[in-house]
Amino acid sequence: MVATDSLLTTFVGRPKELTSLADRLPDREYRFEVHAIPEPERDYLQEAIDRMNNRTPEQILADRAEIFANSPTPTPIPPGKTFEDMVVGRWPGDETDEQIRVALEELS
């Protein structure tokens, strides 16, 4: 793109395009000011979601296989116990079960 004023001409383009334009200017002295035009912001989350949603069935199976291969073996629940028995009362910090319950309700 070229915008012309009486003494000012602005060229906008990629480096090769600007070089090509500069090579065609008459042989005299010029002053160039270079300003990079910022690239539009990328939405990395949306790009990742699009990649995930556009996988082939073979890619989905390969991804699942990789996840299972890199996941630790789950600890079995002992006979006579439930998942709740294994979790409730075993928080790693000083929080009470009630504090954890309230925090989880606030998150949901």
PDB file of N, CA and C in Angstrom:
ATOM      1  N   MET A   1       0.851  -1.174   0.000  1.00  0.00           N
ATOM      2  CA  MET A   1       0.000   0.000   0.000  1.00  0.00           C
ATOM      3  C   MET A   1       0.895   1.234   0.000  1.00  0.00           C
ATOM      4  N   VAL A   2       0.502   2.247  -0.703  1.00  0.00           N
ATOM      5  CA  VAL A   2       1.268   3.480  -0.774  1.00  0.00           C
ATOM      6  C   VAL A   2       0.335   4.640  -0.453  1.00  0.00           C
ATOM      7  N   ALA A   3       0.731   5.476   0.512  1.00  0.00           N
ATOM      8  CA  ALA A   3      -0.017   6.696   0.833  1.00  0.00           C
ATOM      9  C   ALA A   3       0.915   7.861   0.549  1.00  0.00           C
ATOM     10  N   THR A   4       0.459   8.816  -0.237  1.00  0.00           N
ATOM     11  CA  THR A   4       1.356   9.893  -0.644  1.00  0.00           C
ATOM     12  C   THR A   4       0.864  11.239  -0.143  1.00  0.00           C
ATOM     13  N   ASP A   5       1.773  11.993   0.447  1.00  0.00           N
ATOM     14  CA  ASP A   5       1.557  13.387   0.816  1.00  0.00           C
ATOM     15  C   ASP A   5       2.500  14.168  -0.093  1.00  0.00           C
ATOM     16  N   SER A   6       2.524  15.496  -0.029  1.00  0.00           N
ATOM     17  CA  SER A   6       3.382  16.265  -0.925  1.00  0.00           C
ATOM     18  C   SER A   6       4.849  15.856  -0.816  1.00  0.00           C
ATOM     19  N   LEU A   7       5.357  15.618   0.406  1.00  0.00           N
ATOM     20  CA  LEU A   7       6.756  15.241   0.570  1.00  0.00           C
ATOM     21  C   LEU A   7       6.924  13.877   1.240  1.00  0.00           C
ATOM     22  N   LEU A   8       5.835  13.254   1.627  1.00  0.00           N
ATOM     23  CA  LEU A   8       5.924  12.033   2.405  1.00  0.00           C
ATOM     24  C   LEU A   8       5.198  10.906   1.694  1.00  0.00           C
ATOM     25  N   THR A   9       5.882   9.812   1.516  1.00  0.00           N
ATOM     26  CA  THR A   9       5.269   8.617   0.957  1.00  0.00           C
ATOM     27  C   THR A   9       5.484   7.487   1.952  1.00  0.00           C
ATOM     28  N   THR A  10       4.418   6.771   2.264  1.00  0.00           N
ATOM     29  CA  THR A  10       4.502   5.678   3.228  1.00  0.00           C
ATOM     30  C   THR A  10       4.262   4.364   2.501  1.00  0.00           C
ATOM     31  N   PHE A  11       5.182   3.445   2.654  1.00  0.00           N
ATOM     32  CA  PHE A  11       5.066   2.113   2.082  1.00  0.00           C
ATOM     33  C   PHE A  11       4.791   1.147   3.229  1.00  0.00           C
ATOM     34  N   VAL A  12       3.814   0.304   3.049  1.00  0.00           N
ATOM     35  CA  VAL A  12       3.506  -0.695   4.059  1.00  0.00           C
ATOM     36  C   VAL A  12       3.618  -2.061   3.408  1.00  0.00           C
ATOM     37  N   GLY A  13       4.400  -2.935   4.006  1.00  0.00           N
ATOM     38  CA  GLY A  13       4.538  -4.270   3.449  1.00  0.00           C
ATOM     39  C   GLY A  13       5.559  -5.086   4.209  1.00  0.00           C
ATOM     40  N   ARG A  14       5.812  -6.264   3.733  1.00  0.00           N
ATOM     41  CA  ARG A  14       6.806  -7.166   4.312  1.00  0.00           C
ATOM     42  C   ARG A  14       8.189  -6.752   3.808  1.00  0.00           C
ATOM     43  N   PRO A  15       9.275  -7.208   4.480  1.00  0.00           N
ATOM     44  CA  PRO A  15      10.625  -6.768   4.097  1.00  0.00           C
ATOM     45  C   PRO A  15      10.952  -6.937   2.615  1.00  0.00           C
ATOM     46  N   LYS A  16      10.613  -8.060   2.015  1.00  0.00           N
ATOM     47  CA  LYS A  16      10.938  -8.253   0.592  1.00  0.00           C
ATOM     48  C   LYS A  16      10.168  -7.275  -0.279  1.00  0.00           C
ATOM     49  N   GLU A  17       8.915  -6.988   0.097  1.00  0.00           N
ATOM     50  CA  GLU A  17       8.124  -6.032  -0.682  1.00  0.00           C
ATOM     51  C   GLU A  17       8.714  -4.627  -0.566  1.00  0.00           C
ATOM     52  N   LEU A  18       9.130  -4.256   0.661  1.00  0.00           N
ATOM     53  CA  LEU A  18       9.712  -2.924   0.856  1.00  0.00           C
ATOM     54  C   LEU A  18      11.036  -2.790   0.122  1.00  0.00           C
ATOM     55  N   THR A  19      11.844  -3.841   0.127  1.00  0.00           N
ATOM     56  CA  THR A  19      13.121  -3.817  -0.593  1.00  0.00           C
ATOM     57  C   THR A  19      12.877  -3.641  -2.086  1.00  0.00           C
ATOM     58  N   SER A  20      11.886  -4.356  -2.606  1.00  0.00           N
ATOM     59  CA  SER A  20      11.564  -4.246  -4.026  1.00  0.00           C
ATOM     60  C   SER A  20      11.122  -2.824  -4.373  1.00  0.00           C
ATOM     61  N   LEU A  21      10.327  -2.205  -3.514  1.00  0.00           N
ATOM     62  CA  LEU A  21       9.903  -0.830  -3.745  1.00  0.00           C
ATOM     63  C   LEU A  21      11.086   0.130  -3.684  1.00  0.00           C
ATOM     64  N   ALA A  22      11.957  -0.062  -2.685  1.00  0.00           N
ATOM     65  CA  ALA A  22      13.108   0.829  -2.529  1.00  0.00           C
ATOM     66  C   ALA A  22      14.040   0.726  -3.738  1.00  0.00           C
ATOM     67  N   ASP A  23      14.190  -0.469  -4.307  1.00  0.00           N
ATOM     68  CA  ASP A  23      15.049  -0.647  -5.479  1.00  0.00           C
ATOM     69  C   ASP A  23      14.542   0.118  -6.695  1.00  0.00           C
ATOM     70  N   ARG A  24      13.265   0.449  -6.738  1.00  0.00           N
ATOM     71  CA  ARG A  24      12.690   1.142  -7.895  1.00  0.00           C
ATOM     72  C   ARG A  24      12.635   2.662  -7.716  1.00  0.00           C
ATOM     73  N   LEU A  25      13.062   3.153  -6.551  1.00  0.00           N
ATOM     74  CA  LEU A  25      13.059   4.605  -6.329  1.00  0.00           C
ATOM     75  C   LEU A  25      14.173   5.269  -7.139  1.00  0.00           C
ATOM     76  N   PRO A  26      13.959   6.526  -7.535  1.00  0.00           N
ATOM     77  CA  PRO A  26      15.030   7.247  -8.241  1.00  0.00           C
ATOM     78  C   PRO A  26      16.283   7.333  -7.369  1.00  0.00           C
ATOM     79  N   ASP A  27      17.440   7.426  -8.004  1.00  0.00           N
ATOM     80  CA  ASP A  27      18.715   7.430  -7.283  1.00  0.00           C
ATOM     81  C   ASP A  27      18.949   8.795  -6.645  1.00  0.00           C
ATOM     82  N   ARG A  28      18.541   8.900  -5.416  1.00  0.00           N
ATOM     83  CA  ARG A  28      18.772  10.105  -4.615  1.00  0.00           C
ATOM     84  C   ARG A  28      18.771   9.694  -3.152  1.00  0.00           C
ATOM     85  N   GLU A  29      18.935  10.607  -2.239  1.00  0.00           N
ATOM     86  CA  GLU A  29      19.015  10.280  -0.820  1.00  0.00           C
ATOM     87  C   GLU A  29      17.609  10.259  -0.210  1.00  0.00           C
ATOM     88  N   TYR A  30      17.361   9.234   0.627  1.00  0.00           N
ATOM     89  CA  TYR A  30      16.070   9.061   1.296  1.00  0.00           C
ATOM     90  C   TYR A  30      16.287   8.812   2.780  1.00  0.00           C
ATOM     91  N   ARG A  31      15.262   9.047   3.537  1.00  0.00           N
ATOM     92  CA  ARG A  31      15.279   8.668   4.957  1.00  0.00           C
ATOM     93  C   ARG A  31      14.159   7.653   5.155  1.00  0.00           C
ATOM     94  N   PHE A  32      14.532   6.498   5.713  1.00  0.00           N
ATOM     95  CA  PHE A  32      13.557   5.448   5.985  1.00  0.00           C
ATOM     96  C   PHE A  32      13.335   5.346   7.478  1.00  0.00           C
ATOM     97  N   GLU A  33      12.100   5.274   7.874  1.00  0.00           N
ATOM     98  CA  GLU A  33      11.744   4.965   9.252  1.00  0.00           C
ATOM     99  C   GLU A  33      10.986   3.655   9.221  1.00  0.00           C
ATOM    100  N   VAL A  34      11.423   2.716  10.011  1.00  0.00           N
ATOM    101  CA  VAL A  34      10.801   1.393  10.013  1.00  0.00           C
ATOM    102  C   VAL A  34       9.993   1.231  11.292  1.00  0.00           C
ATOM    103  N   HIS A  35       8.733   0.924  11.140  1.00  0.00           N
ATOM    104  CA  HIS A  35       7.832   0.678  12.267  1.00  0.00           C
ATOM    105  C   HIS A  35       7.158  -0.667  12.025  1.00  0.00           C
ATOM    106  N   ALA A  36       7.323  -1.571  12.958  1.00  0.00           N
ATOM    107  CA  ALA A  36       6.667  -2.865  12.825  1.00  0.00           C
ATOM    108  C   ALA A  36       5.195  -2.711  13.176  1.00  0.00           C
ATOM    109  N   ILE A  37       4.353  -3.278  12.351  1.00  0.00           N
ATOM    110  CA  ILE A  37       2.920  -3.277  12.626  1.00  0.00           C
ATOM    111  C   ILE A  37       2.647  -4.479  13.519  1.00  0.00           C
ATOM    112  N   PRO A  38       2.069  -4.260  14.699  1.00  0.00           N
ATOM    113  CA  PRO A  38       1.864  -5.387  15.612  1.00  0.00           C
ATOM    114  C   PRO A  38       0.940  -6.445  14.999  1.00  0.00           C
ATOM    115  N   GLU A  39       1.306  -7.681  15.248  1.00  0.00           N
ATOM    116  CA  GLU A  39       0.473  -8.796  14.799  1.00  0.00           C
ATOM    117  C   GLU A  39      -0.782  -8.827  15.664  1.00  0.00           C
ATOM    118  N   PRO A  40      -1.892  -9.273  15.116  1.00  0.00           N
ATOM    119  CA  PRO A  40      -3.100  -9.378  15.948  1.00  0.00           C
ATOM    120  C   PRO A  40      -2.873 -10.376  17.085  1.00  0.00           C
ATOM    121  N   GLU A  41      -3.548 -10.130  18.202  1.00  0.00           N
ATOM    122  CA  GLU A  41      -3.419 -11.024  19.365  1.00  0.00           C
ATOM    123  C   GLU A  41      -3.898 -12.416  18.984  1.00  0.00           C
ATOM    124  N   ARG A  42      -3.144 -13.433  19.401  1.00  0.00           N
ATOM    125  CA  ARG A  42      -3.544 -14.808  19.143  1.00  0.00           C
ATOM    126  C   ARG A  42      -4.358 -15.333  20.316  1.00  0.00           C
ATOM    127  N   ASP A  43      -5.366 -16.099  20.013  1.00  0.00           N
ATOM    128  CA  ASP A  43      -6.176 -16.750  21.035  1.00  0.00           C
ATOM    129  C   ASP A  43      -5.686 -18.193  21.150  1.00  0.00           C
ATOM    130  N   TYR A  44      -4.664 -18.381  22.001  1.00  0.00           N
ATOM    131  CA  TYR A  44      -4.027 -19.695  22.116  1.00  0.00           C
ATOM    132  C   TYR A  44      -4.992 -20.763  22.614  1.00  0.00           C
ATOM    133  N   LEU A  45      -5.891 -20.381  23.521  1.00  0.00           N
ATOM    134  CA  LEU A  45      -6.860 -21.354  24.022  1.00  0.00           C
ATOM    135  C   LEU A  45      -7.768 -21.825  22.888  1.00  0.00           C
ATOM    136  N   GLN A  46      -8.273 -20.882  22.091  1.00  0.00           N
ATOM    137  CA  GLN A  46      -9.149 -21.266  20.984  1.00  0.00           C
ATOM    138  C   GLN A  46      -8.401 -22.112  19.964  1.00  0.00           C
ATOM    139  N   GLU A  47      -7.133 -21.801  19.708  1.00  0.00           N
ATOM    140  CA  GLU A  47      -6.330 -22.604  18.783  1.00  0.00           C
ATOM    141  C   GLU A  47      -6.194 -24.039  19.292  1.00  0.00           C
ATOM    142  N   ALA A  48      -5.969 -24.196  20.601  1.00  0.00           N
ATOM    143  CA  ALA A  48      -5.836 -25.538  21.183  1.00  0.00           C
ATOM    144  C   ALA A  48      -7.162 -26.284  21.101  1.00  0.00           C
ATOM    145  N   ILE A  49      -8.263 -25.583  21.377  1.00  0.00           N
ATOM    146  CA  ILE A  49      -9.584 -26.217  21.286  1.00  0.00           C
ATOM    147  C   ILE A  49      -9.861 -26.651  19.848  1.00  0.00           C
ATOM    148  N   ASP A  50      -9.519 -25.799  18.889  1.00  0.00           N
ATOM    149  CA  ASP A  50      -9.721 -26.152  17.477  1.00  0.00           C
ATOM    150  C   ASP A  50      -8.891 -27.370  17.089  1.00  0.00           C
ATOM    151  N   ARG A  51      -7.613 -27.406  17.547  1.00  0.00           N
ATOM    152  CA  ARG A  51      -6.774 -28.585  17.246  1.00  0.00           C
ATOM    153  C   ARG A  51      -7.385 -29.841  17.847  1.00  0.00           C
ATOM    154  N   MET A  52      -7.878 -29.738  19.090  1.00  0.00           N
ATOM    155  CA  MET A  52      -8.459 -30.894  19.754  1.00  0.00           C
ATOM    156  C   MET A  52      -9.711 -31.369  19.016  1.00  0.00           C
ATOM    157  N   ASN A  53     -10.564 -30.427  18.616  1.00  0.00           N
ATOM    158  CA  ASN A  53     -11.824 -30.785  17.961  1.00  0.00           C
ATOM    159  C   ASN A  53     -11.643 -31.268  16.535  1.00  0.00           C
ATOM    160  N   ASN A  54     -10.501 -31.022  15.942  1.00  0.00           N
ATOM    161  CA  ASN A  54     -10.271 -31.414  14.549  1.00  0.00           C
ATOM    162  C   ASN A  54      -9.360 -32.629  14.416  1.00  0.00           C
ATOM    163  N   ARG A  55      -9.182 -33.369  15.522  1.00  0.00           N
ATOM    164  CA  ARG A  55      -8.355 -34.578  15.450  1.00  0.00           C
ATOM    165  C   ARG A  55      -9.105 -35.698  14.733  1.00  0.00           C
ATOM    166  N   THR A  56      -8.348 -36.555  14.085  1.00  0.00           N
ATOM    167  CA  THR A  56      -8.938 -37.732  13.450  1.00  0.00           C
ATOM    168  C   THR A  56      -9.179 -38.790  14.520  1.00  0.00           C
ATOM    169  N   PRO A  57     -10.035 -39.775  14.246  1.00  0.00           N
ATOM    170  CA  PRO A  57     -10.232 -40.851  15.221  1.00  0.00           C
ATOM    171  C   PRO A  57      -8.910 -41.551  15.596  1.00  0.00           C
ATOM    172  N   GLU A  58      -8.005 -41.670  14.625  1.00  0.00           N
ATOM    173  CA  GLU A  58      -6.710 -42.299  14.910  1.00  0.00           C
ATOM    174  C   GLU A  58      -5.888 -41.443  15.875  1.00  0.00           C
ATOM    175  N   GLN A  59      -5.938 -40.113  15.699  1.00  0.00           N
ATOM    176  CA  GLN A  59      -5.210 -39.228  16.617  1.00  0.00           C
ATOM    177  C   GLN A  59      -5.799 -39.288  18.019  1.00  0.00           C
ATOM    178  N   ILE A  60      -7.108 -39.380  18.121  1.00  0.00           N
ATOM    179  CA  ILE A  60      -7.760 -39.475  19.437  1.00  0.00           C
ATOM    180  C   ILE A  60      -7.313 -40.745  20.148  1.00  0.00           C
ATOM    181  N   LEU A  61      -7.300 -41.861  19.431  1.00  0.00           N
ATOM    182  CA  LEU A  61      -6.854 -43.121  20.043  1.00  0.00           C
ATOM    183  C   LEU A  61      -5.387 -43.049  20.457  1.00  0.00           C
ATOM    184  N   ALA A  62      -4.552 -42.431  19.629  1.00  0.00           N
ATOM    185  CA  ALA A  62      -3.131 -42.292  19.957  1.00  0.00           C
ATOM    186  C   ALA A  62      -2.950 -41.403  21.186  1.00  0.00           C
ATOM    187  N   ASP A  63      -3.721 -40.315  21.272  1.00  0.00           N
ATOM    188  CA  ASP A  63      -3.642 -39.431  22.439  1.00  0.00           C
ATOM    189  C   ASP A  63      -4.058 -40.160  23.711  1.00  0.00           C
ATOM    190  N   ARG A  64      -5.144 -40.940  23.621  1.00  0.00           N
ATOM    191  CA  ARG A  64      -5.594 -41.713  24.796  1.00  0.00           C
ATOM    192  C   ARG A  64      -4.528 -42.713  25.228  1.00  0.00           C
ATOM    193  N   ALA A  65      -3.931 -43.397  24.252  1.00  0.00           N
ATOM    194  CA  ALA A  65      -2.898 -44.389  24.569  1.00  0.00           C
ATOM    195  C   ALA A  65      -1.719 -43.714  25.261  1.00  0.00           C
ATOM    196  N   GLU A  66      -1.340 -42.510  24.791  1.00  0.00           N
ATOM    197  CA  GLU A  66      -0.221 -41.795  25.410  1.00  0.00           C
ATOM    198  C   GLU A  66      -0.555 -41.381  26.848  1.00  0.00           C
ATOM    199  N   ILE A  67      -1.775 -40.918  27.060  1.00  0.00           N
ATOM    200  CA  ILE A  67      -2.187 -40.519  28.417  1.00  0.00           C
ATOM    201  C   ILE A  67      -2.122 -41.715  29.358  1.00  0.00           C
ATOM    202  N   PHE A  68      -2.690 -42.844  28.942  1.00  0.00           N
ATOM    203  CA  PHE A  68      -2.684 -44.030  29.806  1.00  0.00           C
ATOM    204  C   PHE A  68      -1.269 -44.554  30.030  1.00  0.00           C
ATOM    205  N   ALA A  69      -0.417 -44.463  29.017  1.00  0.00           N
ATOM    206  CA  ALA A  69       0.966 -44.939  29.155  1.00  0.00           C
ATOM    207  C   ALA A  69       1.751 -44.082  30.140  1.00  0.00           C
ATOM    208  N   ASN A  70       1.412 -42.782  30.231  1.00  0.00           N
ATOM    209  CA  ASN A  70       2.151 -41.878  31.112  1.00  0.00           C
ATOM    210  C   ASN A  70       1.474 -41.653  32.457  1.00  0.00           C
ATOM    211  N   SER A  71       0.332 -42.299  32.693  1.00  0.00           N
ATOM    212  CA  SER A  71      -0.382 -42.138  33.965  1.00  0.00           C
ATOM    213  C   SER A  71       0.083 -43.208  34.952  1.00  0.00           C
ATOM    214  N   PRO A  72       0.194 -42.823  36.233  1.00  0.00           N
ATOM    215  CA  PRO A  72       0.566 -43.831  37.221  1.00  0.00           C
ATOM    216  C   PRO A  72      -0.578 -44.836  37.421  1.00  0.00           C
ATOM    217  N   THR A  73      -0.210 -46.016  37.838  1.00  0.00           N
ATOM    218  CA  THR A  73      -1.217 -47.038  38.119  1.00  0.00           C
ATOM    219  C   THR A  73      -2.044 -46.591  39.320  1.00  0.00           C
ATOM    220  N   PRO A  74      -3.387 -46.613  39.199  1.00  0.00           N
ATOM    221  CA  PRO A  74      -4.199 -46.165  40.323  1.00  0.00           C
ATOM    222  C   PRO A  74      -4.058 -47.096  41.529  1.00  0.00           C
ATOM    223  N   THR A  75      -4.168 -46.502  42.702  1.00  0.00           N
ATOM    224  CA  THR A  75      -4.129 -47.292  43.939  1.00  0.00           C
ATOM    225  C   THR A  75      -5.484 -47.957  44.116  1.00  0.00           C
ATOM    226  N   PRO A  76      -5.506 -49.272  44.260  1.00  0.00           N
ATOM    227  CA  PRO A  76      -6.810 -49.941  44.402  1.00  0.00           C
ATOM    228  C   PRO A  76      -7.453 -49.588  45.752  1.00  0.00           C
ATOM    229  N   ILE A  77      -8.778 -49.541  45.743  1.00  0.00           N
ATOM    230  CA  ILE A  77      -9.515 -49.300  46.984  1.00  0.00           C
ATOM    231  C   ILE A  77      -9.627 -50.641  47.701  1.00  0.00           C
ATOM    232  N   PRO A  78      -9.201 -50.688  48.963  1.00  0.00           N
ATOM    233  CA  PRO A  78      -9.240 -51.964  49.698  1.00  0.00           C
ATOM    234  C   PRO A  78     -10.665 -52.503  49.828  1.00  0.00           C
ATOM    235  N   PRO A  79     -10.784 -53.799  49.917  1.00  0.00           N
ATOM    236  CA  PRO A  79     -12.119 -54.402  50.090  1.00  0.00           C
ATOM    237  C   PRO A  79     -12.805 -53.826  51.338  1.00  0.00           C
ATOM    238  N   GLY A  80     -14.082 -53.551  51.233  1.00  0.00           N
ATOM    239  CA  GLY A  80     -14.839 -53.035  52.360  1.00  0.00           C
ATOM    240  C   GLY A  80     -14.769 -51.524  52.509  1.00  0.00           C
ATOM    241  N   LYS A  81     -13.973 -50.838  51.679  1.00  0.00           N
ATOM    242  CA  LYS A  81     -13.845 -49.379  51.734  1.00  0.00           C
ATOM    243  C   LYS A  81     -14.491 -48.771  50.500  1.00  0.00           C
ATOM    244  N   THR A  82     -14.844 -47.482  50.587  1.00  0.00           N
ATOM    245  CA  THR A  82     -15.370 -46.749  49.437  1.00  0.00           C
ATOM    246  C   THR A  82     -14.376 -45.653  49.078  1.00  0.00           C
ATOM    247  N   PHE A  83     -14.597 -45.031  47.943  1.00  0.00           N
ATOM    248  CA  PHE A  83     -13.748 -43.912  47.548  1.00  0.00           C
ATOM    249  C   PHE A  83     -13.824 -42.818  48.603  1.00  0.00           C
ATOM    250  N   GLU A  84     -15.021 -42.548  49.101  1.00  0.00           N
ATOM    251  CA  GLU A  84     -15.188 -41.518  50.133  1.00  0.00           C
ATOM    252  C   GLU A  84     -14.371 -41.867  51.382  1.00  0.00           C
ATOM    253  N   ASP A  85     -14.359 -43.131  51.773  1.00  0.00           N
ATOM    254  CA  ASP A  85     -13.557 -43.551  52.932  1.00  0.00           C
ATOM    255  C   ASP A  85     -12.072 -43.238  52.717  1.00  0.00           C
ATOM    256  N   MET A  86     -11.629 -43.330  51.482  1.00  0.00           N
ATOM    257  CA  MET A  86     -10.218 -43.125  51.182  1.00  0.00           C
ATOM    258  C   MET A  86      -9.843 -41.642  51.098  1.00  0.00           C
ATOM    259  N   VAL A  87     -10.854 -40.741  50.937  1.00  0.00           N
ATOM    260  CA  VAL A  87     -10.567 -39.327  50.722  1.00  0.00           C
ATOM    261  C   VAL A  87     -10.919 -38.469  51.929  1.00  0.00           C
ATOM    262  N   VAL A  88     -12.129 -38.616  52.447  1.00  0.00           N
ATOM    263  CA  VAL A  88     -12.607 -37.750  53.530  1.00  0.00           C
ATOM    264  C   VAL A  88     -11.718 -37.913  54.761  1.00  0.00           C
ATOM    265  N   GLY A  89     -11.315 -36.759  55.314  1.00  0.00           N
ATOM    266  CA  GLY A  89     -10.473 -36.776  56.513  1.00  0.00           C
ATOM    267  C   GLY A  89      -8.995 -36.945  56.222  1.00  0.00           C
ATOM    268  N   ARG A  90      -8.610 -36.946  54.951  1.00  0.00           N
ATOM    269  CA  ARG A  90      -7.215 -37.171  54.592  1.00  0.00           C
ATOM    270  C   ARG A  90      -6.633 -36.010  53.798  1.00  0.00           C
ATOM    271  N   TRP A  91      -7.124 -34.805  54.022  1.00  0.00           N
ATOM    272  CA  TRP A  91      -6.600 -33.644  53.306  1.00  0.00           C
ATOM    273  C   TRP A  91      -5.158 -33.401  53.725  1.00  0.00           C
ATOM    274  N   PRO A  92      -4.317 -32.926  52.814  1.00  0.00           N
ATOM    275  CA  PRO A  92      -2.900 -32.758  53.131  1.00  0.00           C
ATOM    276  C   PRO A  92      -2.601 -31.567  54.039  1.00  0.00           C
ATOM    277  N   GLY A  93      -3.516 -30.626  54.189  1.00  0.00           N
ATOM    278  CA  GLY A  93      -3.254 -29.445  55.010  1.00  0.00           C
ATOM    279  C   GLY A  93      -4.001 -29.501  56.331  1.00  0.00           C
ATOM    280  N   ASP A  94      -4.217 -28.306  56.908  1.00  0.00           N
ATOM    281  CA  ASP A  94      -4.904 -28.209  58.200  1.00  0.00           C
ATOM    282  C   ASP A  94      -6.405 -28.006  58.036  1.00  0.00           C
ATOM    283  N   GLU A  95      -6.904 -28.004  56.797  1.00  0.00           N
ATOM    284  CA  GLU A  95      -8.300 -27.715  56.560  1.00  0.00           C
ATOM    285  C   GLU A  95      -9.187 -28.819  57.097  1.00  0.00           C
ATOM    286  N   THR A  96     -10.352 -28.398  57.570  1.00  0.00           N
ATOM    287  CA  THR A  96     -11.337 -29.392  58.010  1.00  0.00           C
ATOM    288  C   THR A  96     -12.140 -29.831  56.789  1.00  0.00           C
ATOM    289  N   ASP A  97     -12.844 -30.940  56.930  1.00  0.00           N
ATOM    290  CA  ASP A  97     -13.710 -31.397  55.847  1.00  0.00           C
ATOM    291  C   ASP A  97     -14.722 -30.319  55.482  1.00  0.00           C
ATOM    292  N   GLU A  98     -15.245 -29.616  56.465  1.00  0.00           N
ATOM    293  CA  GLU A  98     -16.227 -28.569  56.211  1.00  0.00           C
ATOM    294  C   GLU A  98     -15.612 -27.423  55.397  1.00  0.00           C
ATOM    295  N   GLN A  99     -14.380 -27.025  55.732  1.00  0.00           N
ATOM    296  CA  GLN A  99     -13.714 -25.959  54.967  1.00  0.00           C
ATOM    297  C   GLN A  99     -13.500 -26.389  53.520  1.00  0.00           C
ATOM    298  N   ILE A 100     -13.135 -27.615  53.308  1.00  0.00           N
ATOM    299  CA  ILE A 100     -12.944 -28.134  51.954  1.00  0.00           C
ATOM    300  C   ILE A 100     -14.274 -28.146  51.217  1.00  0.00           C
ATOM    301  N   ARG A 101     -15.322 -28.600  51.869  1.00  0.00           N
ATOM    302  CA  ARG A 101     -16.651 -28.649  51.255  1.00  0.00           C
ATOM    303  C   ARG A 101     -17.094 -27.254  50.836  1.00  0.00           C
ATOM    304  N   VAL A 102     -16.924 -26.254  51.720  1.00  0.00           N
ATOM    305  CA  VAL A 102     -17.293 -24.872  51.405  1.00  0.00           C
ATOM    306  C   VAL A 102     -16.480 -24.355  50.221  1.00  0.00           C
ATOM    307  N   ALA A 103     -15.177 -24.616  50.216  1.00  0.00           N
ATOM    308  CA  ALA A 103     -14.314 -24.158  49.115  1.00  0.00           C
ATOM    309  C   ALA A 103     -14.757 -24.792  47.786  1.00  0.00           C
ATOM    310  N   LEU A 104     -15.088 -26.071  47.805  1.00  0.00           N
ATOM    311  CA  LEU A 104     -15.529 -26.745  46.583  1.00  0.00           C
ATOM    312  C   LEU A 104     -16.864 -26.185  46.104  1.00  0.00           C
ATOM    313  N   GLU A 105     -17.766 -25.856  47.031  1.00  0.00           N
ATOM    314  CA  GLU A 105     -19.049 -25.264  46.639  1.00  0.00           C
ATOM    315  C   GLU A 105     -18.850 -23.895  46.021  1.00  0.00           C
ATOM    316  N   GLU A 106     -17.893 -23.124  46.531  1.00  0.00           N
ATOM    317  CA  GLU A 106     -17.613 -21.798  45.969  1.00  0.00           C
ATOM    318  C   GLU A 106     -17.047 -21.902  44.561  1.00  0.00           C
ATOM    319  N   LEU A 107     -16.279 -22.944  44.299  1.00  0.00           N
ATOM    320  CA  LEU A 107     -15.690 -23.130  42.979  1.00  0.00           C
ATOM    321  C   LEU A 107     -16.730 -23.557  41.937  1.00  0.00           C
ATOM    322  N   SER A 108     -17.763 -24.253  42.374  1.00  0.00           N
ATOM    323  CA  SER A 108     -18.725 -24.785  41.394  1.00  0.00           C
ATOM    324  C   SER A 108     -19.872 -23.852  41.117  1.00  0.00           C
TER     325      SER A 108
END
